[in-house]
């Protein structure tokens, strides 16, 4: 396990953002800086920015390296389940991929009735709704309870600063005007990836609670998995060994995803609106420690961080002056 001292040292050199115009045209997401080159490649630089409640909240030490590492691992594990866009990973924070046109929908798959945000399935259920994104939900369920079967709850892809909107298949098709055949192909891919992820996680003593997938089309028209997969940013994980006991006691499951940070901010009274409260260094270090625990549990191997100043290292590894 990476020591607290190493994480504290990493606080000295956060990768808040990048300026690498030599790579191509830049698009900045909440967490990733994307550069599109003239020869059809996308350089995805995973920064240390952390987002929740559809807002960028600051940085966590080594978070970009952690996410890039586990995404690359999952892309390799799932390439026979669904094609993806990966070409190589030349730096701890960088993934080079085939340039794709993103589909205008995020495929969210959920296996449990949980969540804390206003858009979560649990909050809708708690408020009396028994229909979520076209899925009928049983009466009498409790928070954190397993659903009868995993369900697809797609959402629109909001512009930067806006909130995603969860919707049914019919609503997504109406909102996006995407071809139904493309939606259905992406949905089928998402459900297969989730089933694979559940099985792999169960082998490691984990529960894959819910996740989101982004898909795109290559220049040849093939629909492929893009962005990230089964990372602590895109997914919720619980420990299976303590789930039932905590559920029976009415307690929140033991988790190691960014739910820790969400819960901290919620306790401070923040749920996505207004200024983001300051996040103490010790909370940031603990959040990263949980991310690392997650990926070491998933991969079964120790995570070896690179503690160099990331900006000059990036330029060197990408062959930039």
C-alpha atoms as a PDB file:
ATOM      1  CA  UNK A   1       0.000   0.000   0.000  1.00  0.00           C
ATOM      2  CA  UNK A   2       1.268   3.493  -0.841  1.00  0.00           C
ATOM      3  CA  UNK A   3       2.257   5.295   2.368  1.00  0.00           C
ATOM      4  CA  UNK A   4       0.573   8.418   3.703  1.00  0.00           C
ATOM      5  CA  UNK A   5       3.964  10.161   3.413  1.00  0.00           C
ATOM      6  CA  UNK A   6       4.088   9.400  -0.318  1.00  0.00           C
ATOM      7  CA  UNK A   7       0.561  10.735  -0.749  1.00  0.00           C
ATOM      8  CA  UNK A   8       1.502  13.837   1.233  1.00  0.00           C
ATOM      9  CA  UNK A   9       4.523  14.327  -1.015  1.00  0.00           C
ATOM     10  CA  UNK A  10       2.283  13.984  -4.080  1.00  0.00           C
ATOM     11  CA  UNK A  11       0.230  16.913  -2.775  1.00  0.00           C
ATOM     12  CA  UNK A  12       3.229  19.102  -3.665  1.00  0.00           C
ATOM     13  CA  UNK A  13       2.847  18.395  -7.408  1.00  0.00           C
ATOM     14  CA  UNK A  14      -0.853  18.086  -8.289  1.00  0.00           C
ATOM     15  CA  UNK A  15      -1.665  17.709 -11.967  1.00  0.00           C
ATOM     16  CA  UNK A  16      -4.444  20.296 -12.019  1.00  0.00           C
ATOM     17  CA  UNK A  17      -4.372  20.703 -15.782  1.00  0.00           C
ATOM     18  CA  UNK A  18      -2.174  20.580 -18.863  1.00  0.00           C
ATOM     19  CA  UNK A  19      -1.078  22.836 -21.694  1.00  0.00           C
ATOM     20  CA  UNK A  20       0.252  20.579 -24.463  1.00  0.00           C
ATOM     21  CA  UNK A  21      -0.757  22.246 -27.749  1.00  0.00           C
ATOM     22  CA  UNK A  22       1.804  20.137 -29.655  1.00  0.00           C
ATOM     23  CA  UNK A  23      -0.547  17.164 -29.199  1.00  0.00           C
ATOM     24  CA  UNK A  24      -3.426  18.766 -31.094  1.00  0.00           C
ATOM     25  CA  UNK A  25      -6.774  20.402 -30.438  1.00  0.00           C
ATOM     26  CA  UNK A  26      -7.677  20.442 -26.743  1.00  0.00           C
ATOM     27  CA  UNK A  27     -10.991  19.598 -25.098  1.00  0.00           C
ATOM     28  CA  UNK A  28     -11.134  19.802 -21.310  1.00  0.00           C
ATOM     29  CA  UNK A  29     -13.518  17.536 -19.424  1.00  0.00           C
ATOM     30  CA  UNK A  30     -14.168  17.492 -15.683  1.00  0.00           C
ATOM     31  CA  UNK A  31     -11.223  15.174 -15.028  1.00  0.00           C
ATOM     32  CA  UNK A  32      -9.507  14.533 -18.371  1.00  0.00           C
ATOM     33  CA  UNK A  33      -7.702  16.847 -20.763  1.00  0.00           C
ATOM     34  CA  UNK A  34      -8.186  15.480 -24.284  1.00  0.00           C
ATOM     35  CA  UNK A  35      -6.049  16.344 -27.297  1.00  0.00           C
ATOM     36  CA  UNK A  36      -7.021  15.328 -30.833  1.00  0.00           C
ATOM     37  CA  UNK A  37      -4.143  14.987 -33.281  1.00  0.00           C
ATOM     38  CA  UNK A  38      -4.241  15.440 -37.040  1.00  0.00           C
ATOM     39  CA  UNK A  39      -3.515  11.733 -37.594  1.00  0.00           C
ATOM     40  CA  UNK A  40      -6.651  10.492 -35.820  1.00  0.00           C
ATOM     41  CA  UNK A  41      -5.335   9.873 -32.310  1.00  0.00           C
ATOM     42  CA  UNK A  42      -6.697  11.117 -29.014  1.00  0.00           C
ATOM     43  CA  UNK A  43      -4.299  11.775 -26.146  1.00  0.00           C
ATOM     44  CA  UNK A  44      -6.245  11.453 -22.898  1.00  0.00           C
ATOM     45  CA  UNK A  45      -4.387  13.047 -19.987  1.00  0.00           C
ATOM     46  CA  UNK A  46      -6.001  11.995 -16.707  1.00  0.00           C
ATOM     47  CA  UNK A  47      -5.478  14.873 -14.279  1.00  0.00           C
ATOM     48  CA  UNK A  48      -5.750  14.832 -10.487  1.00  0.00           C
ATOM     49  CA  UNK A  49      -9.024  16.770 -10.615  1.00  0.00           C
ATOM     50  CA  UNK A  50     -11.917  15.151  -8.763  1.00  0.00           C
ATOM     51  CA  UNK A  51     -15.561  15.674  -9.647  1.00  0.00           C
ATOM     52  CA  UNK A  52     -18.801  14.857  -7.879  1.00  0.00           C
ATOM     53  CA  UNK A  53     -22.278  16.383  -7.968  1.00  0.00           C
ATOM     54  CA  UNK A  54     -21.355  17.283 -11.597  1.00  0.00           C
ATOM     55  CA  UNK A  55     -18.785  19.767 -10.253  1.00  0.00           C
ATOM     56  CA  UNK A  56     -14.980  19.851 -10.140  1.00  0.00           C
ATOM     57  CA  UNK A  57     -14.115  19.889  -6.429  1.00  0.00           C
ATOM     58  CA  UNK A  58     -10.323  20.249  -6.503  1.00  0.00           C
ATOM     59  CA  UNK A  59      -7.533  17.659  -6.744  1.00  0.00           C
ATOM     60  CA  UNK A  60      -6.558  14.437  -4.977  1.00  0.00           C
ATOM     61  CA  UNK A  61      -2.928  13.237  -4.784  1.00  0.00           C
ATOM     62  CA  UNK A  62      -1.998  10.746  -7.543  1.00  0.00           C
ATOM     63  CA  UNK A  63      -5.622  10.429  -8.601  1.00  0.00           C
ATOM     64  CA  UNK A  64      -4.837  10.727 -12.312  1.00  0.00           C
ATOM     65  CA  UNK A  65      -2.241   7.950 -12.168  1.00  0.00           C
ATOM     66  CA  UNK A  66      -4.596   5.747 -10.162  1.00  0.00           C
ATOM     67  CA  UNK A  67      -7.490   6.174 -12.602  1.00  0.00           C
ATOM     68  CA  UNK A  68      -5.344   5.734 -15.698  1.00  0.00           C
ATOM     69  CA  UNK A  69      -3.809   2.570 -14.241  1.00  0.00           C
ATOM     70  CA  UNK A  70      -7.099   0.875 -13.408  1.00  0.00           C
ATOM     71  CA  UNK A  71      -8.829   1.979 -16.621  1.00  0.00           C
ATOM     72  CA  UNK A  72      -5.981   0.526 -18.710  1.00  0.00           C
ATOM     73  CA  UNK A  73      -6.215  -2.708 -16.685  1.00  0.00           C
ATOM     74  CA  UNK A  74      -9.967  -3.006 -17.246  1.00  0.00           C
ATOM     75  CA  UNK A  75      -9.684  -2.135 -20.946  1.00  0.00           C
ATOM     76  CA  UNK A  76      -7.264  -5.049 -21.301  1.00  0.00           C
ATOM     77  CA  UNK A  77      -9.487  -7.382 -19.260  1.00  0.00           C
ATOM     78  CA  UNK A  78     -12.648  -6.574 -21.256  1.00  0.00           C
ATOM     79  CA  UNK A  79     -11.330  -6.269 -24.819  1.00  0.00           C
ATOM     80  CA  UNK A  80     -12.882  -9.631 -25.732  1.00  0.00           C
ATOM     81  CA  UNK A  81     -16.234  -8.577 -24.240  1.00  0.00           C
ATOM     82  CA  UNK A  82     -16.396  -5.264 -26.095  1.00  0.00           C
ATOM     83  CA  UNK A  83     -13.980  -3.488 -28.454  1.00  0.00           C
ATOM     84  CA  UNK A  84     -12.353  -0.328 -27.094  1.00  0.00           C
ATOM     85  CA  UNK A  85     -10.345   2.651 -28.322  1.00  0.00           C
ATOM     86  CA  UNK A  86      -6.984   2.005 -26.575  1.00  0.00           C
ATOM     87  CA  UNK A  87      -3.672   2.200 -28.477  1.00  0.00           C
ATOM     88  CA  UNK A  88      -1.072   2.588 -25.676  1.00  0.00           C
ATOM     89  CA  UNK A  89      -0.279   4.136 -22.263  1.00  0.00           C
ATOM     90  CA  UNK A  90       3.057   6.005 -22.650  1.00  0.00           C
ATOM     91  CA  UNK A  91       2.893   7.786 -19.272  1.00  0.00           C
ATOM     92  CA  UNK A  92       1.283   7.100 -15.865  1.00  0.00           C
ATOM     93  CA  UNK A  93      -1.279   9.832 -16.594  1.00  0.00           C
ATOM     94  CA  UNK A  94      -1.773   9.296 -20.340  1.00  0.00           C
ATOM     95  CA  UNK A  95      -3.786   6.941 -22.505  1.00  0.00           C
ATOM     96  CA  UNK A  96      -3.475   7.195 -26.298  1.00  0.00           C
ATOM     97  CA  UNK A  97      -6.584   6.099 -28.158  1.00  0.00           C
ATOM     98  CA  UNK A  98      -8.266   6.047 -31.539  1.00  0.00           C
ATOM     99  CA  UNK A  99     -10.270   9.215 -32.090  1.00  0.00           C
ATOM    100  CA  UNK A 100     -13.990   8.464 -31.907  1.00  0.00           C
ATOM    101  CA  UNK A 101     -17.236  10.388 -32.148  1.00  0.00           C
ATOM    102  CA  UNK A 102     -18.886   9.967 -28.721  1.00  0.00           C
ATOM    103  CA  UNK A 103     -22.463   8.743 -28.646  1.00  0.00           C
ATOM    104  CA  UNK A 104     -24.741  11.381 -27.066  1.00  0.00           C
ATOM    105  CA  UNK A 105     -25.646   9.153 -24.112  1.00  0.00           C
ATOM    106  CA  UNK A 106     -24.006   7.659 -21.037  1.00  0.00           C
ATOM    107  CA  UNK A 107     -24.984   4.056 -20.378  1.00  0.00           C
ATOM    108  CA  UNK A 108     -25.507   3.809 -16.626  1.00  0.00           C
ATOM    109  CA  UNK A 109     -26.086   0.327 -15.172  1.00  0.00           C
ATOM    110  CA  UNK A 110     -27.314  -0.147 -11.605  1.00  0.00           C
ATOM    111  CA  UNK A 111     -27.650  -3.277  -9.482  1.00  0.00           C
ATOM    112  CA  UNK A 112     -28.599  -1.685  -6.120  1.00  0.00           C
ATOM    113  CA  UNK A 113     -31.039   0.919  -4.833  1.00  0.00           C
ATOM    114  CA  UNK A 114     -28.593   3.503  -3.553  1.00  0.00           C
ATOM    115  CA  UNK A 115     -27.109   6.967  -4.025  1.00  0.00           C
ATOM    116  CA  UNK A 116     -26.998  10.369  -2.342  1.00  0.00           C
ATOM    117  CA  UNK A 117     -27.444  12.928  -5.132  1.00  0.00           C
ATOM    118  CA  UNK A 118     -30.710  14.430  -6.329  1.00  0.00           C
ATOM    119  CA  UNK A 119     -30.452  12.348  -9.539  1.00  0.00           C
ATOM    120  CA  UNK A 120     -29.821   9.034  -7.752  1.00  0.00           C
ATOM    121  CA  UNK A 121     -32.228   6.118  -7.961  1.00  0.00           C
ATOM    122  CA  UNK A 122     -32.609   5.979  -4.167  1.00  0.00           C
ATOM    123  CA  UNK A 123     -33.651   9.640  -3.832  1.00  0.00           C
ATOM    124  CA  UNK A 124     -36.293   9.120  -6.546  1.00  0.00           C
ATOM    125  CA  UNK A 125     -37.525   5.982  -4.763  1.00  0.00           C
ATOM    126  CA  UNK A 126     -37.532   7.672  -1.354  1.00  0.00           C
ATOM    127  CA  UNK A 127     -39.663  10.468  -2.837  1.00  0.00           C
ATOM    128  CA  UNK A 128     -42.271   7.935  -3.924  1.00  0.00           C
ATOM    129  CA  UNK A 129     -41.346   7.244  -7.542  1.00  0.00           C
ATOM    130  CA  UNK A 130     -41.558   3.607  -8.649  1.00  0.00           C
ATOM    131  CA  UNK A 131     -40.502   4.246 -12.235  1.00  0.00           C
ATOM    132  CA  UNK A 132     -36.901   5.178 -12.999  1.00  0.00           C
ATOM    133  CA  UNK A 133     -35.679   5.616 -16.574  1.00  0.00           C
ATOM    134  CA  UNK A 134     -38.460   3.346 -17.787  1.00  0.00           C
ATOM    135  CA  UNK A 135     -37.730   0.645 -15.195  1.00  0.00           C
ATOM    136  CA  UNK A 136     -40.488  -0.392 -12.787  1.00  0.00           C
ATOM    137  CA  UNK A 137     -39.254  -0.746  -9.215  1.00  0.00           C
ATOM    138  CA  UNK A 138     -40.803  -3.042  -6.573  1.00  0.00           C
ATOM    139  CA  UNK A 139     -42.561  -1.691  -3.496  1.00  0.00           C
ATOM    140  CA  UNK A 140     -41.071  -2.086  -0.032  1.00  0.00           C
ATOM    141  CA  UNK A 141     -37.392  -1.796  -0.878  1.00  0.00           C
ATOM    142  CA  UNK A 142     -34.793  -0.289   1.464  1.00  0.00           C
ATOM    143  CA  UNK A 143     -31.792   1.903   0.798  1.00  0.00           C
ATOM    144  CA  UNK A 144     -28.752  -0.064  -0.460  1.00  0.00           C
ATOM    145  CA  UNK A 145     -30.903  -3.131  -1.278  1.00  0.00           C
ATOM    146  CA  UNK A 146     -30.050  -5.263  -4.295  1.00  0.00           C
ATOM    147  CA  UNK A 147     -32.413  -4.823  -7.241  1.00  0.00           C
ATOM    148  CA  UNK A 148     -34.088  -7.949  -8.672  1.00  0.00           C
ATOM    149  CA  UNK A 149     -31.711  -7.637 -11.635  1.00  0.00           C
ATOM    150  CA  UNK A 150     -29.327  -4.980 -13.013  1.00  0.00           C
ATOM    151  CA  UNK A 151     -31.118  -2.206 -14.872  1.00  0.00           C
ATOM    152  CA  UNK A 152     -30.059   0.265 -17.549  1.00  0.00           C
ATOM    153  CA  UNK A 153     -30.659   3.902 -16.588  1.00  0.00           C
ATOM    154  CA  UNK A 154     -29.136   5.963 -19.423  1.00  0.00           C
ATOM    155  CA  UNK A 155     -28.489   9.671 -19.160  1.00  0.00           C
ATOM    156  CA  UNK A 156     -27.851  12.561 -21.473  1.00  0.00           C
ATOM    157  CA  UNK A 157     -24.321  13.952 -21.621  1.00  0.00           C
ATOM    158  CA  UNK A 158     -24.571  17.429 -20.189  1.00  0.00           C
ATOM    159  CA  UNK A 159     -22.484  20.333 -21.376  1.00  0.00           C
ATOM    160  CA  UNK A 160     -19.728  21.378 -18.996  1.00  0.00           C
ATOM    161  CA  UNK A 161     -21.264  22.945 -15.892  1.00  0.00           C
ATOM    162  CA  UNK A 162     -24.711  21.434 -16.463  1.00  0.00           C
ATOM    163  CA  UNK A 163     -26.256  18.355 -14.879  1.00  0.00           C
ATOM    164  CA  UNK A 164     -26.765  15.040 -16.676  1.00  0.00           C
ATOM    165  CA  UNK A 165     -30.398  14.002 -17.078  1.00  0.00           C
ATOM    166  CA  UNK A 166     -31.424  10.390 -16.490  1.00  0.00           C
ATOM    167  CA  UNK A 167     -34.094   9.223 -18.910  1.00  0.00           C
ATOM    168  CA  UNK A 168     -35.739   6.195 -20.504  1.00  0.00           C
ATOM    169  CA  UNK A 169     -34.716   4.743 -23.868  1.00  0.00           C
ATOM    170  CA  UNK A 170     -37.607   6.514 -25.572  1.00  0.00           C
ATOM    171  CA  UNK A 171     -36.781   9.846 -23.935  1.00  0.00           C
ATOM    172  CA  UNK A 172     -33.088   9.562 -24.838  1.00  0.00           C
ATOM    173  CA  UNK A 173     -33.948   8.822 -28.467  1.00  0.00           C
ATOM    174  CA  UNK A 174     -36.248  11.840 -28.555  1.00  0.00           C
ATOM    175  CA  UNK A 175     -33.709  14.133 -26.835  1.00  0.00           C
ATOM    176  CA  UNK A 176     -30.646  13.060 -28.824  1.00  0.00           C
ATOM    177  CA  UNK A 177     -32.168  11.975 -32.174  1.00  0.00           C
ATOM    178  CA  UNK A 178     -29.629   9.134 -32.218  1.00  0.00           C
ATOM    179  CA  UNK A 179     -30.514   6.039 -34.298  1.00  0.00           C
ATOM    180  CA  UNK A 180     -32.327   3.400 -32.202  1.00  0.00           C
ATOM    181  CA  UNK A 181     -29.968   0.723 -33.562  1.00  0.00           C
ATOM    182  CA  UNK A 182     -26.955   2.581 -32.142  1.00  0.00           C
ATOM    183  CA  UNK A 183     -28.636   3.017 -28.754  1.00  0.00           C
ATOM    184  CA  UNK A 184     -29.533  -0.671 -28.603  1.00  0.00           C
ATOM    185  CA  UNK A 185     -26.045  -1.815 -29.627  1.00  0.00           C
ATOM    186  CA  UNK A 186     -24.476   0.411 -26.973  1.00  0.00           C
ATOM    187  CA  UNK A 187     -26.995  -0.760 -24.357  1.00  0.00           C
ATOM    188  CA  UNK A 188     -26.254  -4.425 -25.085  1.00  0.00           C
ATOM    189  CA  UNK A 189     -22.528  -3.728 -24.835  1.00  0.00           C
ATOM    190  CA  UNK A 190     -22.999  -1.959 -21.499  1.00  0.00           C
ATOM    191  CA  UNK A 191     -24.974  -4.831 -19.978  1.00  0.00           C
ATOM    192  CA  UNK A 192     -22.355  -7.387 -21.095  1.00  0.00           C
ATOM    193  CA  UNK A 193     -19.543  -5.272 -19.646  1.00  0.00           C
ATOM    194  CA  UNK A 194     -21.422  -4.889 -16.363  1.00  0.00           C
ATOM    195  CA  UNK A 195     -22.013  -8.639 -16.065  1.00  0.00           C
ATOM    196  CA  UNK A 196     -18.296  -9.244 -16.686  1.00  0.00           C
ATOM    197  CA  UNK A 197     -17.377  -6.556 -14.161  1.00  0.00           C
ATOM    198  CA  UNK A 198     -19.691  -8.030 -11.527  1.00  0.00           C
ATOM    199  CA  UNK A 199     -18.134 -11.470 -11.962  1.00  0.00           C
ATOM    200  CA  UNK A 200     -14.563 -10.149 -11.817  1.00  0.00           C
ATOM    201  CA  UNK A 201     -15.307  -8.040  -8.753  1.00  0.00           C
ATOM    202  CA  UNK A 202     -17.022 -10.918  -6.971  1.00  0.00           C
ATOM    203  CA  UNK A 203     -13.845 -12.966  -7.405  1.00  0.00           C
ATOM    204  CA  UNK A 204     -12.034 -10.207  -5.477  1.00  0.00           C
ATOM    205  CA  UNK A 205     -14.579  -9.963  -2.669  1.00  0.00           C
ATOM    206  CA  UNK A 206     -16.198  -6.858  -4.109  1.00  0.00           C
ATOM    207  CA  UNK A 207     -19.629  -5.783  -5.287  1.00  0.00           C
ATOM    208  CA  UNK A 208     -19.873  -3.697  -8.464  1.00  0.00           C
ATOM    209  CA  UNK A 209     -22.868  -1.619  -7.412  1.00  0.00           C
ATOM    210  CA  UNK A 210     -23.319   0.668 -10.401  1.00  0.00           C
ATOM    211  CA  UNK A 211     -21.258   2.232 -13.157  1.00  0.00           C
ATOM    212  CA  UNK A 212     -21.396   4.343 -16.293  1.00  0.00           C
ATOM    213  CA  UNK A 213     -20.011   3.606 -19.740  1.00  0.00           C
ATOM    214  CA  UNK A 214     -19.241   5.999 -22.551  1.00  0.00           C
ATOM    215  CA  UNK A 215     -19.211   4.686 -26.096  1.00  0.00           C
ATOM    216  CA  UNK A 216     -18.223   6.172 -29.411  1.00  0.00           C
ATOM    217  CA  UNK A 217     -17.932   5.408 -33.100  1.00  0.00           C
ATOM    218  CA  UNK A 218     -14.630   4.961 -34.893  1.00  0.00           C
ATOM    219  CA  UNK A 219     -14.091   6.477 -38.336  1.00  0.00           C
ATOM    220  CA  UNK A 220     -15.154   3.061 -39.691  1.00  0.00           C
ATOM    221  CA  UNK A 221     -18.474   3.275 -37.860  1.00  0.00           C
ATOM    222  CA  UNK A 222     -17.699   0.632 -35.213  1.00  0.00           C
ATOM    223  CA  UNK A 223     -19.177   1.294 -31.763  1.00  0.00           C
ATOM    224  CA  UNK A 224     -16.449   0.931 -29.126  1.00  0.00           C
ATOM    225  CA  UNK A 225     -15.951   1.585 -25.422  1.00  0.00           C
ATOM    226  CA  UNK A 226     -14.194   4.917 -24.743  1.00  0.00           C
ATOM    227  CA  UNK A 227     -13.105   7.182 -21.874  1.00  0.00           C
ATOM    228  CA  UNK A 228     -12.799   4.890 -18.820  1.00  0.00           C
ATOM    229  CA  UNK A 229     -14.205   1.673 -17.381  1.00  0.00           C
ATOM    230  CA  UNK A 230     -14.893   0.437 -13.838  1.00  0.00           C
ATOM    231  CA  UNK A 231     -12.776   3.093 -12.144  1.00  0.00           C
ATOM    232  CA  UNK A 232     -13.584   4.503  -8.683  1.00  0.00           C
ATOM    233  CA  UNK A 233     -14.720   7.654 -10.527  1.00  0.00           C
ATOM    234  CA  UNK A 234     -17.196   5.949 -12.832  1.00  0.00           C
ATOM    235  CA  UNK A 235     -18.284   3.135 -10.524  1.00  0.00           C
ATOM    236  CA  UNK A 236     -19.402   2.369  -7.005  1.00  0.00           C
ATOM    237  CA  UNK A 237     -17.799  -0.581  -5.194  1.00  0.00           C
ATOM    238  CA  UNK A 238     -18.711  -2.203  -1.867  1.00  0.00           C
ATOM    239  CA  UNK A 239     -16.983  -4.919   0.162  1.00  0.00           C
ATOM    240  CA  UNK A 240     -19.070  -8.072  -0.126  1.00  0.00           C
ATOM    241  CA  UNK A 241     -17.852  -9.467   3.233  1.00  0.00           C
ATOM    242  CA  UNK A 242     -19.542  -6.716   5.269  1.00  0.00           C
ATOM    243  CA  UNK A 243     -22.449  -5.791   2.998  1.00  0.00           C
ATOM    244  CA  UNK A 244     -25.189  -8.005   4.470  1.00  0.00           C
ATOM    245  CA  UNK A 245     -24.337  -7.282   8.099  1.00  0.00           C
ATOM    246  CA  UNK A 246     -24.300  -3.534   7.511  1.00  0.00           C
ATOM    247  CA  UNK A 247     -27.460  -3.660   5.388  1.00  0.00           C
ATOM    248  CA  UNK A 248     -29.309  -5.600   8.113  1.00  0.00           C
ATOM    249  CA  UNK A 249     -28.171  -2.993  10.658  1.00  0.00           C
ATOM    250  CA  UNK A 250     -29.407  -0.154   8.466  1.00  0.00           C
ATOM    251  CA  UNK A 251     -25.854   1.109   7.942  1.00  0.00           C
ATOM    252  CA  UNK A 252     -24.183   2.369   4.767  1.00  0.00           C
ATOM    253  CA  UNK A 253     -22.114  -0.317   3.012  1.00  0.00           C
ATOM    254  CA  UNK A 254     -18.332  -0.208   3.318  1.00  0.00           C
ATOM    255  CA  UNK A 255     -17.119   1.389   0.117  1.00  0.00           C
ATOM    256  CA  UNK A 256     -13.923   2.650  -1.490  1.00  0.00           C
ATOM    257  CA  UNK A 257     -15.014   4.907  -4.282  1.00  0.00           C
ATOM    258  CA  UNK A 258     -15.588   8.651  -4.379  1.00  0.00           C
ATOM    259  CA  UNK A 259     -18.705   8.137  -2.252  1.00  0.00           C
ATOM    260  CA  UNK A 260     -16.337   8.816   0.700  1.00  0.00           C
ATOM    261  CA  UNK A 261     -15.742  12.329  -0.623  1.00  0.00           C
ATOM    262  CA  UNK A 262     -19.427  12.814  -1.454  1.00  0.00           C
ATOM    263  CA  UNK A 263     -20.385  11.835   2.092  1.00  0.00           C
ATOM    264  CA  UNK A 264     -17.787  14.194   3.581  1.00  0.00           C
ATOM    265  CA  UNK A 265     -19.128  17.107   1.530  1.00  0.00           C
ATOM    266  CA  UNK A 266     -22.745  16.184   2.262  1.00  0.00           C
ATOM    267  CA  UNK A 267     -21.904  16.246   5.998  1.00  0.00           C
ATOM    268  CA  UNK A 268     -20.538  19.749   5.427  1.00  0.00           C
ATOM    269  CA  UNK A 269     -23.894  20.696   3.916  1.00  0.00           C
ATOM    270  CA  UNK A 270     -22.754  20.656   0.280  1.00  0.00           C
ATOM    271  CA  UNK A 271     -24.797  18.818  -2.343  1.00  0.00           C
ATOM    272  CA  UNK A 272     -23.645  20.430  -5.557  1.00  0.00           C
ATOM    273  CA  UNK A 273     -24.899  23.989  -5.352  1.00  0.00           C
ATOM    274  CA  UNK A 274     -22.994  27.080  -4.298  1.00  0.00           C
ATOM    275  CA  UNK A 275     -19.259  27.350  -3.558  1.00  0.00           C
ATOM    276  CA  UNK A 276     -17.371  24.115  -2.903  1.00  0.00           C
ATOM    277  CA  UNK A 277     -16.194  23.990   0.738  1.00  0.00           C
ATOM    278  CA  UNK A 278     -12.429  23.593   1.304  1.00  0.00           C
ATOM    279  CA  UNK A 279     -11.344  19.938   1.471  1.00  0.00           C
ATOM    280  CA  UNK A 280      -8.662  19.362   4.152  1.00  0.00           C
ATOM    281  CA  UNK A 281      -5.423  17.643   3.058  1.00  0.00           C
ATOM    282  CA  UNK A 282      -6.114  14.702   5.367  1.00  0.00           C
ATOM    283  CA  UNK A 283      -9.475  14.101   3.676  1.00  0.00           C
ATOM    284  CA  UNK A 284      -7.804  14.312   0.256  1.00  0.00           C
ATOM    285  CA  UNK A 285      -5.117  11.823   1.354  1.00  0.00           C
ATOM    286  CA  UNK A 286      -7.722   9.426   2.750  1.00  0.00           C
ATOM    287  CA  UNK A 287      -9.753   9.656  -0.451  1.00  0.00           C
ATOM    288  CA  UNK A 288      -6.676   8.723  -2.511  1.00  0.00           C
ATOM    289  CA  UNK A 289      -5.805   5.931  -0.091  1.00  0.00           C
ATOM    290  CA  UNK A 290      -9.262   4.452  -0.729  1.00  0.00           C
ATOM    291  CA  UNK A 291      -8.809   4.776  -4.490  1.00  0.00           C
ATOM    292  CA  UNK A 292      -5.513   2.884  -4.220  1.00  0.00           C
ATOM    293  CA  UNK A 293      -7.074   0.219  -2.013  1.00  0.00           C
ATOM    294  CA  UNK A 294      -9.741  -0.204  -4.660  1.00  0.00           C
ATOM    295  CA  UNK A 295      -7.380  -0.753  -7.552  1.00  0.00           C
ATOM    296  CA  UNK A 296      -5.015  -3.017  -5.595  1.00  0.00           C
ATOM    297  CA  UNK A 297      -7.974  -5.137  -4.537  1.00  0.00           C
ATOM    298  CA  UNK A 298      -9.261  -5.309  -8.108  1.00  0.00           C
ATOM    299  CA  UNK A 299      -5.946  -6.099  -9.799  1.00  0.00           C
ATOM    300  CA  UNK A 300      -4.388  -8.166  -7.027  1.00  0.00           C
ATOM    301  CA  UNK A 301      -1.126  -6.237  -7.465  1.00  0.00           C
ATOM    302  CA  UNK A 302       0.581  -3.348  -5.686  1.00  0.00           C
ATOM    303  CA  UNK A 303       0.203   0.114  -7.202  1.00  0.00           C
ATOM    304  CA  UNK A 304       3.585   1.730  -7.834  1.00  0.00           C
ATOM    305  CA  UNK A 305       3.203   5.530  -7.970  1.00  0.00           C
ATOM    306  CA  UNK A 306       5.474   7.889  -9.859  1.00  0.00           C
ATOM    307  CA  UNK A 307       6.288  10.831  -7.554  1.00  0.00           C
ATOM    308  CA  UNK A 308       8.090  12.968 -10.157  1.00  0.00           C
ATOM    309  CA  UNK A 309       6.733  16.416 -10.971  1.00  0.00           C
ATOM    310  CA  UNK A 310       4.140  15.331 -13.578  1.00  0.00           C
ATOM    311  CA  UNK A 311       4.388  18.222 -16.047  1.00  0.00           C
ATOM    312  CA  UNK A 312       8.043  17.769 -17.140  1.00  0.00           C
ATOM    313  CA  UNK A 313       7.624  13.986 -16.956  1.00  0.00           C
ATOM    314  CA  UNK A 314       4.636  14.138 -19.294  1.00  0.00           C
ATOM    315  CA  UNK A 315       6.543  16.160 -21.879  1.00  0.00           C
ATOM    316  CA  UNK A 316       9.497  13.771 -21.711  1.00  0.00           C
ATOM    317  CA  UNK A 317       7.390  10.607 -22.044  1.00  0.00           C
ATOM    318  CA  UNK A 318       5.370  12.071 -24.919  1.00  0.00           C
ATOM    319  CA  UNK A 319       8.512  13.185 -26.754  1.00  0.00           C
ATOM    320  CA  UNK A 320       7.688  16.882 -26.499  1.00  0.00           C
ATOM    321  CA  UNK A 321      10.308  19.646 -26.183  1.00  0.00           C
END
